[in-house]
């Protein structure tokens, strides 16, 4: 694993907070916690993918919105160069 620490790394992730099906409302989604762990472990940079139009905070509404956006889900920010 020491080889990873010597390379420049970027973790690109999407994570949903708000209403969680099992536990209620949360501040961070599970994927964000994992992305932060990986960042700390390998010294990576983070890039959080965020939708241009926010999804509903309510879980069931969010699922329906996501189904409608398949193939058309623009994001707020883009990375120009990941080399």
N, C-alpha and C. Protein backbone atom coordinates (compact mmCIF):
# COMPACT_ATOMS: atom_id res chain seq x y z
N UNK A 1 0.81 -1.21 0.00
CA UNK A 1 0.00 0.00 0.00
C UNK A 1 0.85 1.27 0.00
N UNK A 2 2.11 1.18 0.39
CA UNK A 2 2.94 2.38 0.42
C UNK A 2 3.11 2.98 -0.98
N UNK A 3 2.98 2.14 -2.02
CA UNK A 3 3.07 2.65 -3.38
C UNK A 3 1.96 3.66 -3.67
N UNK A 4 0.77 3.42 -3.12
CA UNK A 4 -0.35 4.33 -3.34
C UNK A 4 -0.10 5.70 -2.73
N UNK A 5 0.58 5.74 -1.61
CA UNK A 5 0.81 7.02 -0.94
C UNK A 5 1.76 7.92 -1.73
N UNK A 6 2.53 7.35 -2.63
CA UNK A 6 3.48 8.14 -3.41
C UNK A 6 2.88 8.67 -4.71
N UNK A 7 1.70 8.22 -5.07
CA UNK A 7 1.06 8.66 -6.30
C UNK A 7 -0.02 9.68 -6.00
N UNK A 8 -0.23 10.58 -6.94
CA UNK A 8 -1.30 11.54 -6.79
C UNK A 8 -2.61 10.84 -7.11
N UNK A 9 -3.56 10.94 -6.19
CA UNK A 9 -4.83 10.23 -6.35
C UNK A 9 -6.00 11.20 -6.23
N UNK A 10 -7.08 10.84 -6.87
CA UNK A 10 -8.31 11.62 -6.81
C UNK A 10 -9.47 10.66 -6.59
N UNK A 11 -10.27 10.94 -5.58
CA UNK A 11 -11.46 10.15 -5.31
C UNK A 11 -12.66 10.97 -5.80
N UNK A 12 -13.35 10.45 -6.78
CA UNK A 12 -14.55 11.10 -7.32
C UNK A 12 -15.74 10.29 -6.83
N UNK A 13 -16.67 10.96 -6.17
CA UNK A 13 -17.77 10.22 -5.57
C UNK A 13 -19.08 11.00 -5.58
N UNK A 14 -20.17 10.27 -5.51
CA UNK A 14 -21.50 10.84 -5.31
C UNK A 14 -22.05 10.21 -4.05
N UNK A 15 -22.60 11.03 -3.18
CA UNK A 15 -23.14 10.52 -1.93
C UNK A 15 -24.38 11.31 -1.57
N UNK A 16 -25.39 10.61 -1.16
CA UNK A 16 -26.65 11.26 -0.80
C UNK A 16 -26.85 11.27 0.70
N UNK A 17 -27.14 12.44 1.24
CA UNK A 17 -27.47 12.59 2.66
C UNK A 17 -28.99 12.69 2.79
N UNK A 18 -29.48 13.50 3.69
CA UNK A 18 -30.91 13.74 3.91
C UNK A 18 -31.60 12.49 4.44
N UNK A 19 -32.85 12.23 4.00
CA UNK A 19 -33.58 11.10 4.58
C UNK A 19 -33.00 9.78 4.11
N UNK A 20 -32.66 8.95 5.05
CA UNK A 20 -32.13 7.62 4.78
C UNK A 20 -33.22 6.61 5.08
N UNK A 21 -33.38 5.66 4.21
CA UNK A 21 -34.46 4.68 4.31
C UNK A 21 -34.52 4.01 5.69
N UNK A 22 -33.39 3.69 6.28
CA UNK A 22 -33.37 2.91 7.51
C UNK A 22 -33.23 3.73 8.79
N UNK A 23 -32.58 4.89 8.73
CA UNK A 23 -32.23 5.57 9.99
C UNK A 23 -32.75 7.00 10.13
N UNK A 24 -33.50 7.50 9.19
CA UNK A 24 -33.98 8.88 9.27
C UNK A 24 -33.06 9.83 8.53
N UNK A 25 -32.97 11.07 8.97
CA UNK A 25 -32.17 12.08 8.28
C UNK A 25 -30.72 12.02 8.74
N UNK A 26 -29.81 12.11 7.75
CA UNK A 26 -28.37 12.07 8.03
C UNK A 26 -27.69 13.25 7.35
N UNK A 27 -26.56 13.67 7.92
CA UNK A 27 -25.80 14.80 7.38
C UNK A 27 -24.89 14.41 6.22
N UNK A 28 -24.41 13.17 6.24
CA UNK A 28 -23.52 12.67 5.19
C UNK A 28 -23.98 11.28 4.79
N UNK A 29 -23.84 11.00 3.51
CA UNK A 29 -24.14 9.66 3.03
C UNK A 29 -22.97 8.72 3.29
N UNK A 30 -23.22 7.43 3.22
CA UNK A 30 -22.18 6.43 3.49
C UNK A 30 -21.00 6.57 2.55
N UNK A 31 -21.27 6.85 1.29
CA UNK A 31 -20.18 6.95 0.32
C UNK A 31 -19.24 8.11 0.65
N UNK A 32 -19.79 9.19 1.18
CA UNK A 32 -18.93 10.32 1.57
C UNK A 32 -17.98 9.93 2.69
N UNK A 33 -18.47 9.18 3.67
CA UNK A 33 -17.59 8.71 4.75
C UNK A 33 -16.47 7.84 4.20
N UNK A 34 -16.80 6.94 3.29
CA UNK A 34 -15.78 6.07 2.70
C UNK A 34 -14.79 6.87 1.87
N UNK A 35 -15.28 7.84 1.10
CA UNK A 35 -14.39 8.68 0.29
C UNK A 35 -13.41 9.44 1.18
N UNK A 36 -13.88 9.95 2.30
CA UNK A 36 -13.00 10.67 3.23
C UNK A 36 -11.96 9.72 3.85
N UNK A 37 -12.38 8.50 4.14
CA UNK A 37 -11.45 7.50 4.67
C UNK A 37 -10.35 7.21 3.66
N UNK A 38 -10.73 6.99 2.41
CA UNK A 38 -9.75 6.71 1.35
C UNK A 38 -8.82 7.92 1.19
N UNK A 39 -9.41 9.12 1.18
CA UNK A 39 -8.58 10.34 1.08
C UNK A 39 -7.51 10.37 2.16
N UNK A 40 -7.92 10.12 3.39
CA UNK A 40 -6.98 10.16 4.51
C UNK A 40 -5.94 9.04 4.42
N UNK A 41 -6.35 7.87 3.95
CA UNK A 41 -5.45 6.72 3.88
C UNK A 41 -4.38 6.89 2.80
N UNK A 42 -4.77 7.40 1.65
CA UNK A 42 -3.81 7.49 0.53
C UNK A 42 -3.37 8.92 0.23
N UNK A 43 -3.92 9.90 0.94
CA UNK A 43 -3.55 11.29 0.68
C UNK A 43 -4.14 11.83 -0.61
N UNK A 44 -5.33 11.37 -0.94
CA UNK A 44 -5.96 11.76 -2.21
C UNK A 44 -6.70 13.08 -2.09
N UNK A 45 -6.97 13.66 -3.24
CA UNK A 45 -7.89 14.80 -3.32
C UNK A 45 -9.30 14.23 -3.47
N UNK A 46 -10.29 15.04 -3.09
CA UNK A 46 -11.69 14.63 -3.22
C UNK A 46 -12.42 15.51 -4.21
N UNK A 47 -13.34 14.89 -4.95
CA UNK A 47 -14.26 15.64 -5.79
C UNK A 47 -15.63 15.03 -5.61
N UNK A 48 -16.53 15.81 -5.03
CA UNK A 48 -17.89 15.35 -4.79
C UNK A 48 -18.76 15.73 -5.99
N UNK A 49 -19.37 14.75 -6.60
CA UNK A 49 -20.28 14.98 -7.72
C UNK A 49 -21.62 15.44 -7.12
N UNK A 50 -22.06 16.62 -7.54
CA UNK A 50 -23.32 17.16 -7.04
C UNK A 50 -24.23 17.50 -8.22
N UNK A 51 -25.50 17.11 -8.11
CA UNK A 51 -26.42 17.38 -9.21
C UNK A 51 -26.68 18.88 -9.38
N UNK A 52 -26.84 19.29 -10.62
CA UNK A 52 -27.16 20.69 -10.91
C UNK A 52 -28.48 21.07 -10.24
N UNK A 53 -29.45 20.19 -10.31
CA UNK A 53 -30.74 20.38 -9.64
C UNK A 53 -30.80 19.39 -8.50
N UNK A 54 -30.87 19.89 -7.27
CA UNK A 54 -30.85 19.03 -6.09
C UNK A 54 -32.03 18.06 -6.09
N UNK A 55 -31.76 16.89 -5.55
CA UNK A 55 -32.83 15.91 -5.36
C UNK A 55 -33.60 16.25 -4.08
N UNK A 56 -34.81 15.75 -3.98
CA UNK A 56 -35.64 15.94 -2.80
C UNK A 56 -34.94 15.36 -1.58
N UNK A 57 -35.17 15.96 -0.43
CA UNK A 57 -34.62 15.44 0.82
C UNK A 57 -35.37 14.18 1.27
N UNK A 58 -36.59 14.02 0.81
CA UNK A 58 -37.39 12.85 1.17
C UNK A 58 -36.99 11.67 0.29
N UNK A 59 -36.73 10.53 0.92
CA UNK A 59 -36.20 9.37 0.21
C UNK A 59 -37.08 8.93 -0.96
N UNK A 60 -38.35 8.71 -0.72
CA UNK A 60 -39.22 8.19 -1.79
C UNK A 60 -39.33 9.16 -2.96
N UNK A 61 -39.39 10.45 -2.68
CA UNK A 61 -39.43 11.45 -3.76
C UNK A 61 -38.12 11.47 -4.54
N UNK A 62 -37.02 11.33 -3.81
CA UNK A 62 -35.71 11.31 -4.45
C UNK A 62 -35.60 10.15 -5.43
N UNK A 63 -36.09 8.99 -5.04
CA UNK A 63 -36.05 7.81 -5.91
C UNK A 63 -36.82 8.07 -7.20
N UNK A 64 -37.99 8.66 -7.08
CA UNK A 64 -38.80 8.96 -8.27
C UNK A 64 -38.11 9.98 -9.16
N UNK A 65 -37.50 11.00 -8.54
CA UNK A 65 -36.77 12.01 -9.33
C UNK A 65 -35.60 11.37 -10.07
N UNK A 66 -34.89 10.49 -9.40
CA UNK A 66 -33.73 9.83 -10.01
C UNK A 66 -34.17 8.99 -11.21
N UNK A 67 -35.29 8.32 -11.11
CA UNK A 67 -35.80 7.53 -12.24
C UNK A 67 -36.10 8.42 -13.43
N UNK A 68 -36.59 9.63 -13.18
CA UNK A 68 -36.91 10.56 -14.27
C UNK A 68 -35.66 11.15 -14.92
N UNK A 69 -34.55 11.18 -14.17
CA UNK A 69 -33.34 11.83 -14.67
C UNK A 69 -32.36 10.88 -15.35
N UNK A 70 -32.68 9.61 -15.44
CA UNK A 70 -31.75 8.65 -16.04
C UNK A 70 -31.34 9.16 -17.42
N UNK A 71 -30.04 9.28 -17.61
CA UNK A 71 -29.52 9.76 -18.89
C UNK A 71 -29.51 11.27 -19.03
N UNK A 72 -30.05 11.98 -18.04
CA UNK A 72 -30.07 13.44 -18.08
C UNK A 72 -29.95 14.00 -16.67
N UNK A 73 -28.75 13.89 -16.13
CA UNK A 73 -28.50 14.35 -14.77
C UNK A 73 -27.24 15.21 -14.74
N UNK A 74 -27.32 16.45 -15.24
CA UNK A 74 -26.14 17.32 -15.25
C UNK A 74 -25.65 17.61 -13.83
N UNK A 75 -24.34 17.84 -13.74
CA UNK A 75 -23.74 18.13 -12.44
C UNK A 75 -23.29 19.58 -12.35
N UNK A 76 -23.13 20.07 -11.10
CA UNK A 76 -22.76 21.47 -10.86
C UNK A 76 -21.37 21.81 -11.37
N UNK A 77 -20.41 21.04 -10.95
CA UNK A 77 -19.00 21.33 -11.29
C UNK A 77 -18.39 20.18 -12.04
N UNK A 78 -17.44 20.50 -12.90
CA UNK A 78 -16.75 19.47 -13.66
C UNK A 78 -15.26 19.62 -13.46
N UNK A 79 -14.56 18.54 -13.68
CA UNK A 79 -13.10 18.56 -13.61
C UNK A 79 -12.59 18.65 -15.04
N UNK A 80 -11.80 19.66 -15.31
CA UNK A 80 -11.29 19.85 -16.68
C UNK A 80 -10.17 18.89 -17.03
N UNK A 81 -9.33 18.58 -16.06
CA UNK A 81 -8.16 17.76 -16.36
C UNK A 81 -7.82 16.90 -15.14
N UNK A 82 -7.87 15.60 -15.30
CA UNK A 82 -7.52 14.73 -14.18
C UNK A 82 -6.16 14.05 -14.37
N UNK A 83 -5.41 14.52 -15.36
CA UNK A 83 -4.07 13.92 -15.57
C UNK A 83 -3.21 14.33 -14.43
